[in-house]
Amino acid sequence: MNKSLLNTYVCPADKTSLTFRSENHRDQGEISEGFLVSAANTKYTLKNSIPNFIAPGQLSKLELETKQQYEEYYTEEFYDNAIEWLFASFCEDENSIRESLVDILQLKPDFKVLEIGCGTGRDSLKIAKRLGRNGVFFIQDLSQSMVDITRNKLTKDYDKLGLSCTLNFFVSSARNLPFPDKYFDAVFHFGGFNNFEDPKGTLHEFSRVVKNGGRIVFGDESIPPWLEGTTFAEIVCTNNPLFRHKVPLSHLPENAKEVTVRWLLGNCFYVIDYRIGNGTPLLNLDLPHKGNRGGTMRTRYYGQMEGITPEAKTLAQKSAKKKGVSLHDWLDQAVRNAARQDLA
């Protein structure tokens, strides 16, 4: 890990800066063994130049189980065989599908990109090839073994693969990322979202680290609504119950804009992409409505009062029409006048 990354990485828990500690470190440019320490003295291990941002007791039960699966049972051969079988079972070309996923990111050569859940690097390589010498690519997984596999795959034959961007590898939970706000141009994740402990919180964390206007692309298993209840769907879901998960649109952050949902890979995997907006959508609360009712969105929401009898409403409508004003203006003035008299 290059020492300059100490100016980038932050404590995933409290987002404070980190310092490096080691008894044996000598090289001033690269740091490979030791600890990254937060202001609260939380220590994150740095081993073989890969920082591990998982503090003791941080992971949920589900995350611990997932991590154990990938590190103890999922060898590279097992993982890759399962992926190849998946694409073949849906009669799809893996290379074409993955290239189409990366296309959605709309990458530029100088982008800063984060991949969450790299697995054995099957998407990582395709993303890295889209970035140029000024591009920066951070590659994450919950599993140390998956990060090791991907790093070896991308760095061993770096030149032969035609890569030129800066590659950085780290271990962390997707719920707590070691980056400041608005750092990346794009975030990518495919194939693990259904196993995330806190999907809403995770998407807010994805969105937190992306610049305004930046893009997020993520997806996972889900039978689309038009296939639910079919024999096809039951066969697929019986083979893997994860396909029963619903598309997590309700978990998107409030500042998501230009949201797109599509299905691919046998129409059994959703892909959601969205851009980061600057807060909630703009809304002119004080633009007057045209017509007899009148008022604004603000008055109709914040000015709601107890109901009146139908007879009183009819009289108010007739009086407002006779005076040539909207019902809102007539009621507002009538309430004000009555209140002033009573309070005088």
Protein backbone atom coordinates (compact mmCIF):
# COMPACT_ATOMS: atom_id res chain seq x y z
CA MET A 1 0.00 0.00 0.00
CA ASN A 2 1.36 3.38 -0.94
CA LYS A 3 1.81 5.66 2.05
CA SER A 4 -0.07 8.43 0.23
CA LEU A 5 -3.28 6.45 0.83
CA LEU A 6 -3.14 7.57 4.45
CA ASN A 7 -4.51 10.83 3.04
CA THR A 8 -7.41 8.94 1.47
CA TYR A 9 -8.49 6.17 3.81
CA VAL A 10 -10.47 7.10 6.90
CA CYS A 11 -11.72 5.08 9.83
CA PRO A 12 -14.86 3.28 8.56
CA ALA A 13 -16.52 3.65 11.96
CA ASP A 14 -16.13 7.37 12.70
CA LYS A 15 -14.58 8.70 9.44
CA THR A 16 -11.57 10.20 11.24
CA SER A 17 -8.09 10.19 9.73
CA LEU A 18 -5.71 7.26 10.20
CA THR A 19 -2.06 7.00 11.17
CA PHE A 20 0.36 4.19 10.43
CA ARG A 21 2.16 2.27 13.17
CA SER A 22 4.79 -0.42 12.74
CA GLU A 23 7.89 -1.57 14.59
CA ASN A 24 9.79 -2.76 11.54
CA HIS A 25 8.81 -0.36 8.76
CA ARG A 26 11.64 1.38 6.93
CA ASP A 27 10.50 2.22 3.38
CA GLN A 28 8.96 5.69 3.30
CA GLY A 29 6.98 5.13 0.06
CA GLU A 30 5.34 1.74 0.53
CA ILE A 31 3.91 0.39 3.77
CA SER A 32 3.19 -3.32 3.93
CA GLU A 33 2.97 -4.52 7.55
CA GLY A 34 1.58 -2.84 10.63
CA PHE A 35 -1.59 -1.09 11.72
CA LEU A 36 -3.74 1.81 10.57
CA VAL A 37 -4.95 3.51 13.73
CA SER A 38 -7.90 5.87 14.16
CA ALA A 39 -8.24 8.82 16.51
CA ALA A 40 -10.24 6.54 18.85
CA ASN A 41 -7.30 4.10 18.79
CA THR A 42 -9.14 1.50 16.73
CA LYS A 43 -6.51 -0.64 14.98
CA TYR A 44 -6.89 -2.02 11.48
CA THR A 45 -4.38 -4.61 10.32
CA LEU A 46 -2.15 -3.98 7.32
CA LYS A 47 -0.67 -7.22 5.97
CA ASN A 48 1.05 -7.82 2.64
CA SER A 49 0.12 -4.22 1.71
CA ILE A 50 -3.62 -4.94 2.03
CA PRO A 51 -5.46 -3.06 4.79
CA ASN A 52 -8.23 -4.90 6.61
CA PHE A 53 -10.86 -2.44 7.86
CA ILE A 54 -12.84 -4.95 9.90
CA ALA A 55 -12.54 -4.25 13.62
CA PRO A 56 -13.21 -6.97 16.23
CA GLY A 57 -16.92 -7.33 16.89
CA GLN A 58 -17.94 -5.20 13.91
CA LEU A 59 -19.44 -7.90 11.68
CA SER A 60 -22.99 -9.17 12.05
CA LYS A 61 -23.79 -12.86 12.28
CA LEU A 62 -24.74 -12.94 8.60
CA GLU A 63 -21.51 -11.21 7.59
CA LEU A 64 -19.44 -13.60 9.69
CA GLU A 65 -21.15 -16.59 8.11
CA THR A 66 -20.65 -15.19 4.61
CA LYS A 67 -17.00 -14.39 5.30
CA GLN A 68 -16.40 -17.90 6.67
CA GLN A 69 -17.99 -19.49 3.62
CA TYR A 70 -15.77 -17.61 1.21
CA GLU A 71 -12.58 -18.11 3.18
CA GLU A 72 -13.01 -21.73 4.24
CA TYR A 73 -15.13 -23.37 1.57
CA TYR A 74 -15.04 -21.30 -1.63
CA THR A 75 -11.73 -21.96 -3.31
CA GLU A 76 -11.00 -20.11 -6.53
CA GLU A 77 -11.76 -23.24 -8.53
CA PHE A 78 -15.04 -23.88 -6.71
CA TYR A 79 -16.16 -20.25 -7.06
CA ASP A 80 -15.26 -19.97 -10.75
CA ASN A 81 -16.88 -23.33 -11.58
CA ALA A 82 -20.11 -22.20 -9.90
CA ILE A 83 -20.12 -18.93 -11.86
CA GLU A 84 -19.44 -20.66 -15.17
CA TRP A 85 -22.24 -23.15 -14.46
CA LEU A 86 -24.62 -20.27 -13.66
CA PHE A 87 -24.10 -18.50 -16.97
CA ALA A 88 -24.24 -21.78 -18.92
CA SER A 89 -27.50 -22.76 -17.17
CA PHE A 90 -29.15 -19.60 -18.50
CA CYS A 91 -27.58 -20.11 -21.93
CA GLU A 92 -25.85 -16.72 -21.70
CA ASP A 93 -22.37 -15.53 -22.67
CA GLU A 94 -20.62 -14.40 -19.49
CA ASN A 95 -18.22 -12.05 -21.22
CA SER A 96 -21.02 -10.19 -23.02
CA ILE A 97 -23.11 -9.87 -19.87
CA ARG A 98 -20.25 -8.55 -17.77
CA GLU A 99 -19.15 -6.09 -20.45
CA SER A 100 -22.72 -4.78 -20.63
CA LEU A 101 -22.72 -4.27 -16.86
CA VAL A 102 -19.51 -2.25 -17.02
CA ASP A 103 -20.97 -0.24 -19.91
CA ILE A 104 -23.69 1.03 -17.56
CA LEU A 105 -21.02 2.69 -15.39
CA GLN A 106 -20.18 5.06 -18.28
CA LEU A 107 -16.56 5.19 -17.16
CA LYS A 108 -13.99 7.75 -18.24
CA PRO A 109 -10.25 6.96 -18.21
CA ASP A 110 -9.50 9.28 -15.28
CA PHE A 111 -12.32 8.14 -12.99
CA LYS A 112 -11.95 7.02 -9.39
CA VAL A 113 -13.94 3.77 -9.14
CA LEU A 114 -14.87 1.48 -6.26
CA GLU A 115 -15.88 -2.15 -6.71
CA ILE A 116 -17.68 -3.79 -3.78
CA GLY A 117 -17.47 -7.58 -3.58
CA CYS A 118 -14.80 -8.41 -6.14
CA GLY A 119 -14.99 -12.19 -5.77
CA THR A 120 -12.29 -13.67 -7.99
CA GLY A 121 -12.03 -10.52 -10.10
CA ARG A 122 -14.22 -11.46 -13.04
CA ASP A 123 -15.68 -7.93 -13.22
CA SER A 124 -12.59 -6.24 -11.75
CA LEU A 125 -10.47 -6.94 -14.81
CA LYS A 126 -13.09 -5.49 -17.16
CA ILE A 127 -13.41 -2.31 -15.07
CA ALA A 128 -9.64 -1.89 -14.78
CA LYS A 129 -9.27 -2.12 -18.56
CA ARG A 130 -11.63 0.85 -18.99
CA LEU A 131 -9.43 3.13 -16.85
CA GLY A 132 -6.29 4.93 -18.02
CA ARG A 133 -3.07 6.06 -16.36
CA ASN A 134 -4.91 8.72 -14.38
CA GLY A 135 -7.64 6.32 -13.30
CA VAL A 136 -7.77 4.97 -9.76
CA PHE A 137 -9.47 1.68 -8.91
CA PHE A 138 -10.23 0.51 -5.36
CA ILE A 139 -11.20 -3.17 -5.10
CA GLN A 140 -12.99 -4.52 -2.01
CA ASP A 141 -14.34 -7.74 -0.59
CA LEU A 142 -15.46 -8.99 2.80
CA SER A 143 -13.17 -11.99 2.29
CA GLN A 144 -9.41 -11.65 2.50
CA SER A 145 -8.96 -14.70 0.27
CA MET A 146 -11.10 -13.18 -2.50
CA VAL A 147 -9.09 -9.95 -2.38
CA ASP A 148 -5.83 -11.96 -2.52
CA ILE A 149 -7.05 -13.91 -5.56
CA THR A 150 -8.12 -10.75 -7.40
CA ARG A 151 -4.92 -8.90 -6.60
CA ASN A 152 -2.82 -11.79 -7.88
CA LYS A 153 -4.92 -12.01 -11.04
CA LEU A 154 -4.62 -8.29 -11.86
CA THR A 155 -1.07 -7.55 -10.75
CA LYS A 156 0.83 -10.70 -11.77
CA ASP A 157 0.36 -9.97 -15.48
CA TYR A 158 -0.46 -6.26 -15.16
CA ASP A 159 1.30 -5.21 -18.38
CA LYS A 160 0.20 -8.25 -20.41
CA LEU A 161 -3.39 -7.53 -19.44
CA GLY A 162 -3.03 -4.03 -20.85
CA LEU A 163 -3.69 -2.27 -17.55
CA SER A 164 -2.48 1.22 -16.73
CA CYS A 165 -4.63 2.50 -13.83
CA THR A 166 -3.67 2.55 -10.17
CA LEU A 167 -4.95 -0.50 -8.32
CA ASN A 168 -5.71 -0.52 -4.58
CA PHE A 169 -7.05 -3.51 -2.65
CA PHE A 170 -8.69 -3.66 0.77
CA VAL A 171 -10.95 -5.75 3.02
CA SER A 172 -14.03 -4.29 4.70
CA SER A 173 -17.74 -4.57 5.28
CA ALA A 174 -19.86 -2.94 2.59
CA ARG A 175 -21.78 -1.20 5.39
CA ASN A 176 -18.75 0.75 6.58
CA LEU A 177 -16.43 2.05 3.88
CA PRO A 178 -13.06 3.67 4.68
CA PHE A 179 -13.49 6.74 2.49
CA PRO A 180 -14.49 10.38 2.92
CA ASP A 181 -17.73 11.70 1.47
CA LYS A 182 -18.01 12.21 -2.30
CA TYR A 183 -14.69 10.60 -3.18
CA PHE A 184 -15.61 8.35 -6.14
CA ASP A 185 -16.98 8.91 -9.62
CA ALA A 186 -18.64 5.47 -9.65
CA VAL A 187 -19.39 2.46 -7.46
CA PHE A 188 -20.02 -1.04 -8.81
CA HIS A 189 -21.34 -4.20 -7.18
CA PHE A 190 -22.81 -7.34 -8.71
CA GLY A 191 -23.78 -10.65 -7.22
CA GLY A 192 -23.85 -10.36 -3.44
CA PHE A 193 -26.40 -7.74 -2.47
CA ASN A 194 -29.02 -10.26 -1.34
CA ASN A 195 -26.64 -11.41 1.40
CA PHE A 196 -25.97 -7.92 2.77
CA GLU A 197 -27.03 -7.39 6.38
CA ASP A 198 -28.46 -3.88 6.00
CA PRO A 199 -29.43 -3.20 2.37
CA LYS A 200 -30.79 0.29 3.01
CA GLY A 201 -27.81 1.35 5.09
CA THR A 202 -25.44 -0.20 2.57
CA LEU A 203 -26.92 1.76 -0.33
CA HIS A 204 -26.69 4.95 1.70
CA GLU A 205 -23.03 4.14 2.29
CA PHE A 206 -22.49 3.51 -1.44
CA SER A 207 -24.12 6.86 -2.13
CA ARG A 208 -22.20 8.70 0.57
CA VAL A 209 -18.84 8.03 -1.06
CA VAL A 210 -19.93 9.05 -4.59
CA LYS A 211 -19.70 12.58 -5.96
CA ASN A 212 -22.80 14.50 -7.00
CA GLY A 213 -23.62 13.29 -10.50
CA GLY A 214 -21.66 10.06 -9.99
CA ARG A 215 -23.16 6.71 -10.87
CA ILE A 216 -23.90 3.58 -8.83
CA VAL A 217 -24.56 0.21 -10.46
CA PHE A 218 -25.54 -2.87 -8.46
CA GLY A 219 -27.52 -6.06 -8.95
CA ASP A 220 -28.25 -9.59 -7.81
CA GLU A 221 -30.73 -12.47 -8.12
CA SER A 222 -34.46 -11.77 -8.40
CA ILE A 223 -37.28 -13.29 -10.40
CA PRO A 224 -39.07 -10.45 -12.25
CA PRO A 225 -42.77 -9.84 -11.53
CA TRP A 226 -43.94 -11.15 -14.90
CA LEU A 227 -42.35 -14.56 -14.23
CA GLU A 228 -43.58 -14.99 -10.67
CA GLY A 229 -45.71 -18.10 -10.24
CA THR A 230 -44.52 -19.73 -13.45
CA THR A 231 -42.97 -23.20 -13.59
CA PHE A 232 -39.78 -21.53 -14.83
CA ALA A 233 -39.63 -19.37 -11.68
CA GLU A 234 -40.31 -22.29 -9.36
CA ILE A 235 -37.54 -24.34 -10.96
CA VAL A 236 -35.06 -21.49 -10.63
CA CYS A 237 -36.04 -20.65 -7.03
CA THR A 238 -36.00 -24.28 -5.96
CA ASN A 239 -32.43 -24.54 -7.22
CA ASN A 240 -31.48 -21.30 -5.38
CA PRO A 241 -33.91 -19.58 -2.95
CA LEU A 242 -31.98 -16.29 -3.34
CA PHE A 243 -33.94 -15.76 -6.56
CA ARG A 244 -37.04 -15.11 -4.42
CA HIS A 245 -35.54 -11.80 -3.23
CA LYS A 246 -37.41 -8.70 -4.36
CA VAL A 247 -35.78 -5.82 -6.19
CA PRO A 248 -34.67 -3.42 -3.41
CA LEU A 249 -36.01 -0.18 -4.90
CA SER A 250 -37.44 0.90 -1.55
CA HIS A 251 -33.90 0.96 -0.12
CA LEU A 252 -32.57 3.57 -2.54
CA PRO A 253 -31.46 6.85 -0.93
CA GLU A 254 -33.56 9.98 -1.19
CA ASN A 255 -31.01 11.66 -3.44
CA ALA A 256 -31.08 8.91 -6.09
CA LYS A 257 -32.01 10.23 -9.53
CA GLU A 258 -32.30 8.87 -13.08
CA VAL A 259 -33.04 5.44 -11.61
CA THR A 260 -33.12 2.56 -14.07
CA VAL A 261 -34.02 -1.08 -13.41
CA ARG A 262 -33.37 -3.85 -15.90
CA TRP A 263 -33.23 -7.64 -15.84
CA LEU A 264 -30.59 -9.76 -17.51
CA LEU A 265 -29.02 -13.21 -17.34
CA GLY A 266 -32.14 -15.22 -18.11
CA ASN A 267 -34.23 -12.31 -16.77
CA CYS A 268 -33.34 -13.59 -13.32
CA PHE A 269 -30.88 -10.89 -12.19
CA TYR A 270 -31.90 -7.29 -11.64
CA VAL A 271 -29.51 -4.41 -12.26
CA ILE A 272 -30.22 -0.99 -10.78
CA ASP A 273 -28.27 2.09 -11.71
CA TYR A 274 -28.74 5.64 -10.51
CA ARG A 275 -26.94 8.93 -10.22
CA ILE A 276 -26.32 10.86 -7.04
CA GLY A 277 -28.39 14.01 -6.81
CA ASN A 278 -27.78 17.03 -4.63
CA GLY A 279 -30.26 16.24 -1.86
CA THR A 280 -33.96 15.64 -2.37
CA PRO A 281 -35.53 16.60 -5.71
CA LEU A 282 -36.28 20.29 -6.15
CA LEU A 283 -39.85 21.27 -5.36
CA ASN A 284 -41.43 24.74 -5.51
CA LEU A 285 -43.70 24.54 -2.50
CA ASP A 286 -45.05 28.06 -2.99
CA LEU A 287 -46.13 27.95 -6.64
CA PRO A 288 -49.86 28.88 -6.60
CA HIS A 289 -52.31 26.40 -8.09
CA LYS A 290 -54.46 27.76 -10.90
CA GLY A 291 -58.18 27.31 -10.58
CA ASN A 292 -60.99 27.74 -8.07
CA ARG A 293 -59.36 25.73 -5.28
CA GLY A 294 -56.12 27.72 -5.23
CA GLY A 295 -53.41 27.41 -2.59
CA THR A 296 -49.95 25.89 -2.93
CA MET A 297 -48.34 22.56 -2.11
CA ARG A 298 -47.11 24.13 1.12
CA THR A 299 -50.55 25.31 2.24
CA ARG A 300 -52.22 22.05 1.23
CA TYR A 301 -49.73 20.03 3.28
CA TYR A 302 -48.92 22.25 6.27
CA GLY A 303 -52.24 24.10 6.42
CA GLN A 304 -54.57 21.12 6.80
CA MET A 305 -57.26 21.71 9.43
CA GLU A 306 -60.23 19.90 10.93
CA GLY A 307 -62.97 19.18 8.45
CA ILE A 308 -66.07 21.33 8.07
CA THR A 309 -69.63 20.34 7.23
CA PRO A 310 -70.63 19.97 3.57
CA GLU A 311 -73.01 22.89 4.02
CA ALA A 312 -70.22 25.18 5.27
CA LYS A 313 -68.00 24.12 2.39
CA THR A 314 -70.72 24.87 -0.15
CA LEU A 315 -71.31 28.31 1.34
CA ALA A 316 -67.58 29.06 1.29
CA GLN A 317 -67.34 28.00 -2.36
CA LYS A 318 -70.26 30.23 -3.32
CA SER A 319 -68.87 33.20 -1.44
CA ALA A 320 -65.38 32.76 -2.93
CA LYS A 321 -66.85 32.54 -6.41
CA LYS A 322 -68.91 35.67 -5.84
CA LYS A 323 -65.81 37.58 -4.66
CA GLY A 324 -63.74 36.25 -7.57
CA VAL A 325 -61.04 34.66 -5.39
CA SER A 326 -59.86 31.10 -4.92
CA LEU A 327 -61.36 28.98 -2.17
CA HIS A 328 -57.94 28.91 -0.48
CA ASP A 329 -57.70 32.72 -0.36
CA TRP A 330 -61.28 33.07 0.90
CA LEU A 331 -60.79 30.48 3.68
CA ASP A 332 -57.40 31.85 4.69
CA GLN A 333 -58.78 35.36 5.02
CA ALA A 334 -61.95 34.19 6.80
CA VAL A 335 -59.97 32.23 9.40
CA ARG A 336 -57.58 35.13 9.96
CA ASN A 337 -60.42 37.64 10.43
CA ALA A 338 -62.31 35.37 12.84
CA ALA A 339 -59.19 34.60 14.85
CA ARG A 340 -58.22 38.26 15.13
CA GLN A 341 -61.69 39.17 16.43
CA ASP A 342 -61.62 36.39 19.04
CA LEU A 343 -58.11 37.27 20.17
CA ALA A 344 -58.68 41.02 20.35
